[in-house]
């Protein structure tokens, strides 16, 4: 999401979806970026996949 156009497109789509279902906090998984920001009232955490790998592993095992 280093590219400004990509960041704008992704955040706008994310915000639209989250506002439609009433959520106020989002997590975006990237290859290597990390940031915390607010976008149109939504708190967005941007984390590299390595930082959340331990969180995703149990979920992936359940879906098999």
PDB file of N, CA and C in Angstrom:
ATOM      1  N   UNK A   1       0.818  -1.188   0.000  1.00  0.00           N
ATOM      2  CA  UNK A   1       0.000   0.000   0.000  1.00  0.00           C
ATOM      3  C   UNK A   1       0.867   1.260   0.000  1.00  0.00           C
ATOM      4  N   UNK A   2       2.086   1.120  -0.481  1.00  0.00           N
ATOM      5  CA  UNK A   2       2.958   2.290  -0.588  1.00  0.00           C
ATOM      6  C   UNK A   2       2.455   3.257  -1.653  1.00  0.00           C
ATOM      7  N   UNK A   3       1.867   2.710  -2.700  1.00  0.00           N
ATOM      8  CA  UNK A   3       1.361   3.548  -3.781  1.00  0.00           C
ATOM      9  C   UNK A   3       0.124   4.296  -3.300  1.00  0.00           C
ATOM     10  N   UNK A   4       0.120   5.640  -3.410  1.00  0.00           N
ATOM     11  CA  UNK A   4      -1.021   6.430  -2.927  1.00  0.00           C
ATOM     12  C   UNK A   4      -2.362   6.040  -3.553  1.00  0.00           C
ATOM     13  N   UNK A   5      -2.363   5.686  -4.833  1.00  0.00           N
ATOM     14  CA  UNK A   5      -3.610   5.275  -5.484  1.00  0.00           C
ATOM     15  C   UNK A   5      -4.122   3.962  -4.909  1.00  0.00           C
ATOM     16  N   UNK A   6      -3.213   3.033  -4.675  1.00  0.00           N
ATOM     17  CA  UNK A   6      -3.587   1.745  -4.091  1.00  0.00           C
ATOM     18  C   UNK A   6      -4.122   1.946  -2.683  1.00  0.00           C
ATOM     19  N   UNK A   7      -3.424   2.748  -1.882  1.00  0.00           N
ATOM     20  CA  UNK A   7      -3.853   3.009  -0.507  1.00  0.00           C
ATOM     21  C   UNK A   7      -5.260   3.613  -0.486  1.00  0.00           C
ATOM     22  N   UNK A   8      -5.490   4.597  -1.343  1.00  0.00           N
ATOM     23  CA  UNK A   8      -6.803   5.255  -1.394  1.00  0.00           C
ATOM     24  C   UNK A   8      -7.895   4.255  -1.779  1.00  0.00           C
ATOM     25  N   UNK A   9      -7.637   3.455  -2.817  1.00  0.00           N
ATOM     26  CA  UNK A   9      -8.627   2.474  -3.274  1.00  0.00           C
ATOM     27  C   UNK A   9      -8.933   1.449  -2.186  1.00  0.00           C
ATOM     28  N   UNK A  10      -7.905   0.914  -1.561  1.00  0.00           N
ATOM     29  CA  UNK A  10      -8.094  -0.109  -0.535  1.00  0.00           C
ATOM     30  C   UNK A  10      -8.808   0.454   0.698  1.00  0.00           C
ATOM     31  N   UNK A  11      -8.401   1.628   1.152  1.00  0.00           N
ATOM     32  CA  UNK A  11      -9.044   2.214   2.330  1.00  0.00           C
ATOM     33  C   UNK A  11     -10.482   2.619   2.057  1.00  0.00           C
ATOM     34  N   UNK A  12     -10.763   3.129   0.878  1.00  0.00           N
ATOM     35  CA  UNK A  12     -12.145   3.492   0.548  1.00  0.00           C
ATOM     36  C   UNK A  12     -13.050   2.264   0.499  1.00  0.00           C
ATOM     37  N   UNK A  13     -12.587   1.191  -0.109  1.00  0.00           N
ATOM     38  CA  UNK A  13     -13.372  -0.046  -0.168  1.00  0.00           C
ATOM     39  C   UNK A  13     -13.577  -0.652   1.209  1.00  0.00           C
ATOM     40  N   UNK A  14     -12.529  -0.672   1.992  1.00  0.00           N
ATOM     41  CA  UNK A  14     -12.599  -1.196   3.351  1.00  0.00           C
ATOM     42  C   UNK A  14     -13.574  -0.383   4.197  1.00  0.00           C
ATOM     43  N   UNK A  15     -13.468   0.930   4.109  1.00  0.00           N
ATOM     44  CA  UNK A  15     -14.342   1.813   4.882  1.00  0.00           C
ATOM     45  C   UNK A  15     -15.798   1.626   4.484  1.00  0.00           C
ATOM     46  N   UNK A  16     -16.066   1.550   3.203  1.00  0.00           N
ATOM     47  CA  UNK A  16     -17.446   1.358   2.736  1.00  0.00           C
ATOM     48  C   UNK A  16     -18.035   0.072   3.301  1.00  0.00           C
ATOM     49  N   UNK A  17     -17.269  -1.005   3.244  1.00  0.00           N
ATOM     50  CA  UNK A  17     -17.757  -2.290   3.748  1.00  0.00           C
ATOM     51  C   UNK A  17     -17.948  -2.267   5.262  1.00  0.00           C
ATOM     52  N   UNK A  18     -16.992  -1.725   5.984  1.00  0.00           N
ATOM     53  CA  UNK A  18     -17.074  -1.711   7.443  1.00  0.00           C
ATOM     54  C   UNK A  18     -18.204  -0.827   7.932  1.00  0.00           C
ATOM     55  N   UNK A  19     -18.412   0.319   7.303  1.00  0.00           N
ATOM     56  CA  UNK A  19     -19.519   1.181   7.703  1.00  0.00           C
ATOM     57  C   UNK A  19     -20.866   0.528   7.401  1.00  0.00           C
ATOM     58  N   UNK A  20     -20.942  -0.220   6.309  1.00  0.00           N
ATOM     59  CA  UNK A  20     -22.195  -0.887   5.935  1.00  0.00           C
ATOM     60  C   UNK A  20     -22.605  -1.938   6.968  1.00  0.00           C
ATOM     61  N   UNK A  21     -21.623  -2.583   7.605  1.00  0.00           N
ATOM     62  CA  UNK A  21     -21.962  -3.609   8.589  1.00  0.00           C
ATOM     63  C   UNK A  21     -21.772  -3.133  10.032  1.00  0.00           C
ATOM     64  N   UNK A  22     -21.401  -1.868  10.198  1.00  0.00           N
ATOM     65  CA  UNK A  22     -21.346  -1.269  11.523  1.00  0.00           C
ATOM     66  C   UNK A  22     -20.095  -1.517  12.336  1.00  0.00           C
ATOM     67  N   UNK A  23     -19.006  -1.881  11.683  1.00  0.00           N
ATOM     68  CA  UNK A  23     -17.754  -2.099  12.406  1.00  0.00           C
ATOM     69  C   UNK A  23     -16.922  -0.825  12.420  1.00  0.00           C
ATOM     70  N   UNK A  24     -16.114  -0.664  13.451  1.00  0.00           N
ATOM     71  CA  UNK A  24     -15.309   0.546  13.605  1.00  0.00           C
ATOM     72  C   UNK A  24     -13.812   0.277  13.660  1.00  0.00           C
ATOM     73  N   UNK A  25     -13.392  -0.989  13.542  1.00  0.00           N
ATOM     74  CA  UNK A  25     -11.980  -1.329  13.621  1.00  0.00           C
ATOM     75  C   UNK A  25     -11.665  -2.367  12.550  1.00  0.00           C
ATOM     76  N   UNK A  26     -10.542  -2.150  11.847  1.00  0.00           N
ATOM     77  CA  UNK A  26     -10.181  -3.050  10.751  1.00  0.00           C
ATOM     78  C   UNK A  26      -8.720  -3.455  10.851  1.00  0.00           C
ATOM     79  N   UNK A  27      -8.409  -4.611  10.287  1.00  0.00           N
ATOM     80  CA  UNK A  27      -7.041  -5.103  10.190  1.00  0.00           C
ATOM     81  C   UNK A  27      -6.740  -5.371   8.724  1.00  0.00           C
ATOM     82  N   UNK A  28      -5.650  -4.776   8.233  1.00  0.00           N
ATOM     83  CA  UNK A  28      -5.197  -5.004   6.863  1.00  0.00           C
ATOM     84  C   UNK A  28      -3.867  -5.742   6.956  1.00  0.00           C
ATOM     85  N   UNK A  29      -3.770  -6.893   6.313  1.00  0.00           N
ATOM     86  CA  UNK A  29      -2.545  -7.682   6.327  1.00  0.00           C
ATOM     87  C   UNK A  29      -1.776  -7.393   5.041  1.00  0.00           C
ATOM     88  N   UNK A  30      -0.503  -7.026   5.214  1.00  0.00           N
ATOM     89  CA  UNK A  30       0.349  -6.691   4.070  1.00  0.00           C
ATOM     90  C   UNK A  30       1.597  -7.563   4.093  1.00  0.00           C
ATOM     91  N   UNK A  31       2.423  -7.379   3.097  1.00  0.00           N
ATOM     92  CA  UNK A  31       3.676  -8.130   3.057  1.00  0.00           C
ATOM     93  C   UNK A  31       4.655  -7.610   4.101  1.00  0.00           C
ATOM     94  N   UNK A  32       4.832  -6.271   4.167  1.00  0.00           N
ATOM     95  CA  UNK A  32       5.834  -5.759   5.092  1.00  0.00           C
ATOM     96  C   UNK A  32       5.529  -4.381   5.688  1.00  0.00           C
ATOM     97  N   UNK A  33       4.324  -3.890   5.561  1.00  0.00           N
ATOM     98  CA  UNK A  33       4.002  -2.565   6.096  1.00  0.00           C
ATOM     99  C   UNK A  33       3.370  -2.661   7.473  1.00  0.00           C
ATOM    100  N   UNK A  34       3.580  -1.602   8.256  1.00  0.00           N
ATOM    101  CA  UNK A  34       2.949  -1.518   9.566  1.00  0.00           C
ATOM    102  C   UNK A  34       2.572  -0.072   9.828  1.00  0.00           C
ATOM    103  N   UNK A  35       1.328   0.152  10.226  1.00  0.00           N
ATOM    104  CA  UNK A  35       0.853   1.497  10.536  1.00  0.00           C
ATOM    105  C   UNK A  35      -0.468   1.397  11.284  1.00  0.00           C
ATOM    106  N   UNK A  36      -0.802   2.461  11.969  1.00  0.00           N
ATOM    107  CA  UNK A  36      -2.109   2.622  12.600  1.00  0.00           C
ATOM    108  C   UNK A  36      -2.657   3.945  12.109  1.00  0.00           C
ATOM    109  N   UNK A  37      -3.906   3.943  11.644  1.00  0.00           N
ATOM    110  CA  UNK A  37      -4.476   5.183  11.142  1.00  0.00           C
ATOM    111  C   UNK A  37      -5.979   5.186  11.300  1.00  0.00           C
ATOM    112  N   UNK A  38      -6.555   6.344  11.112  1.00  0.00           N
ATOM    113  CA  UNK A  38      -8.009   6.509  11.098  1.00  0.00           C
ATOM    114  C   UNK A  38      -8.395   6.922   9.692  1.00  0.00           C
ATOM    115  N   UNK A  39      -9.470   6.324   9.180  1.00  0.00           N
ATOM    116  CA  UNK A  39      -9.968   6.670   7.847  1.00  0.00           C
ATOM    117  C   UNK A  39     -11.481   6.735   7.923  1.00  0.00           C
ATOM    118  N   UNK A  40     -12.012   7.926   7.814  1.00  0.00           N
ATOM    119  CA  UNK A  40     -13.465   8.153   7.845  1.00  0.00           C
ATOM    120  C   UNK A  40     -14.134   7.476   9.047  1.00  0.00           C
ATOM    121  N   UNK A  41     -13.513   7.610  10.215  1.00  0.00           N
ATOM    122  CA  UNK A  41     -14.093   7.075  11.439  1.00  0.00           C
ATOM    123  C   UNK A  41     -13.755   5.629  11.753  1.00  0.00           C
ATOM    124  N   UNK A  42     -13.029   4.960  10.885  1.00  0.00           N
ATOM    125  CA  UNK A  42     -12.637   3.570  11.096  1.00  0.00           C
ATOM    126  C   UNK A  42     -11.176   3.538  11.557  1.00  0.00           C
ATOM    127  N   UNK A  43     -10.891   2.825  12.646  1.00  0.00           N
ATOM    128  CA  UNK A  43      -9.513   2.608  13.088  1.00  0.00           C
ATOM    129  C   UNK A  43      -8.946   1.461  12.254  1.00  0.00           C
ATOM    130  N   UNK A  44      -7.839   1.717  11.584  1.00  0.00           N
ATOM    131  CA  UNK A  44      -7.245   0.719  10.699  1.00  0.00           C
ATOM    132  C   UNK A  44      -5.846   0.362  11.191  1.00  0.00           C
ATOM    133  N   UNK A  45      -5.641  -0.922  11.437  1.00  0.00           N
ATOM    134  CA  UNK A  45      -4.315  -1.435  11.780  1.00  0.00           C
ATOM    135  C   UNK A  45      -3.767  -2.104  10.528  1.00  0.00           C
ATOM    136  N   UNK A  46      -2.608  -1.687  10.086  1.00  0.00           N
ATOM    137  CA  UNK A  46      -1.927  -2.299   8.947  1.00  0.00           C
ATOM    138  C   UNK A  46      -0.745  -3.066   9.523  1.00  0.00           C
ATOM    139  N   UNK A  47      -0.710  -4.367   9.281  1.00  0.00           N
ATOM    140  CA  UNK A  47       0.327  -5.213   9.865  1.00  0.00           C
ATOM    141  C   UNK A  47       0.926  -6.152   8.814  1.00  0.00           C
ATOM    142  N   UNK A  48       2.236  -6.412   8.929  1.00  0.00           N
ATOM    143  CA  UNK A  48       2.845  -7.408   8.049  1.00  0.00           C
ATOM    144  C   UNK A  48       2.380  -8.810   8.454  1.00  0.00           C
ATOM    145  N   UNK A  49       2.274  -9.679   7.493  1.00  0.00           N
ATOM    146  CA  UNK A  49       1.764 -11.025   7.774  1.00  0.00           C
ATOM    147  C   UNK A  49       2.583 -11.734   8.845  1.00  0.00           C
ATOM    148  N   UNK A  50       3.885 -11.443   8.916  1.00  0.00           N
ATOM    149  CA  UNK A  50       4.727 -12.105   9.918  1.00  0.00           C
ATOM    150  C   UNK A  50       4.306 -11.732  11.334  1.00  0.00           C
ATOM    151  N   UNK A  51       3.788 -10.522  11.517  1.00  0.00           N
ATOM    152  CA  UNK A  51       3.390 -10.057  12.843  1.00  0.00           C
ATOM    153  C   UNK A  51       2.122 -10.740  13.334  1.00  0.00           C
ATOM    154  N   UNK A  52       1.312 -11.243  12.428  1.00  0.00           N
ATOM    155  CA  UNK A  52       0.050 -11.870  12.842  1.00  0.00           C
ATOM    156  C   UNK A  52      -0.007 -13.353  12.504  1.00  0.00           C
ATOM    157  N   UNK A  53       1.079 -13.908  12.041  1.00  0.00           N
ATOM    158  CA  UNK A  53       1.093 -15.307  11.622  1.00  0.00           C
ATOM    159  C   UNK A  53       0.575 -16.228  12.720  1.00  0.00           C
ATOM    160  N   UNK A  54       0.968 -16.001  13.959  1.00  0.00           N
ATOM    161  CA  UNK A  54       0.508 -16.838  15.061  1.00  0.00           C
ATOM    162  C   UNK A  54      -0.989 -16.728  15.292  1.00  0.00           C
ATOM    163  N   UNK A  55      -1.568 -15.587  14.950  1.00  0.00           N
ATOM    164  CA  UNK A  55      -3.006 -15.400  15.118  1.00  0.00           C
ATOM    165  C   UNK A  55      -3.797 -16.121  14.038  1.00  0.00           C
ATOM    166  N   UNK A  56      -3.248 -16.203  12.843  1.00  0.00           N
ATOM    167  CA  UNK A  56      -3.970 -16.805  11.727  1.00  0.00           C
ATOM    168  C   UNK A  56      -3.875 -18.323  11.702  1.00  0.00           C
ATOM    169  N   UNK A  57      -2.790 -18.883  12.203  1.00  0.00           N
ATOM    170  CA  UNK A  57      -2.579 -20.330  12.117  1.00  0.00           C
ATOM    171  C   UNK A  57      -3.742 -21.135  12.707  1.00  0.00           C
ATOM    172  N   UNK A  58      -4.238 -20.825  13.927  1.00  0.00           N
ATOM    173  CA  UNK A  58      -5.373 -21.610  14.449  1.00  0.00           C
ATOM    174  C   UNK A  58      -6.627 -21.487  13.585  1.00  0.00           C
ATOM    175  N   UNK A  59      -6.869 -20.332  13.019  1.00  0.00           N
ATOM    176  CA  UNK A  59      -8.043 -20.149  12.169  1.00  0.00           C
ATOM    177  C   UNK A  59      -7.923 -20.973  10.904  1.00  0.00           C
ATOM    178  N   UNK A  60      -6.728 -21.042  10.340  1.00  0.00           N
ATOM    179  CA  UNK A  60      -6.518 -21.808   9.109  1.00  0.00           C
ATOM    180  C   UNK A  60      -6.713 -23.291   9.374  1.00  0.00           C
ATOM    181  N   UNK A  61      -6.299 -23.781  10.525  1.00  0.00           N
ATOM    182  CA  UNK A  61      -6.457 -25.199  10.862  1.00  0.00           C
ATOM    183  C   UNK A  61      -7.921 -25.569  11.028  1.00  0.00           C
ATOM    184  N   UNK A  62      -8.728 -24.669  11.585  1.00  0.00           N
ATOM    185  CA  UNK A  62     -10.153 -24.942  11.801  1.00  0.00           C
ATOM    186  C   UNK A  62     -10.912 -25.062  10.494  1.00  0.00           C
ATOM    187  N   UNK A  63     -10.475 -24.327   9.468  1.00  0.00           N
ATOM    188  CA  UNK A  63     -11.229 -24.304   8.216  1.00  0.00           C
ATOM    189  C   UNK A  63     -10.978 -25.521   7.340  1.00  0.00           C
ATOM    190  N   UNK A  64     -10.025 -26.361   7.695  1.00  0.00           N
ATOM    191  CA  UNK A  64      -9.716 -27.543   6.877  1.00  0.00           C
ATOM    192  C   UNK A  64     -10.654 -28.681   7.165  1.00  0.00           C
TER     193      UNK A  64
END
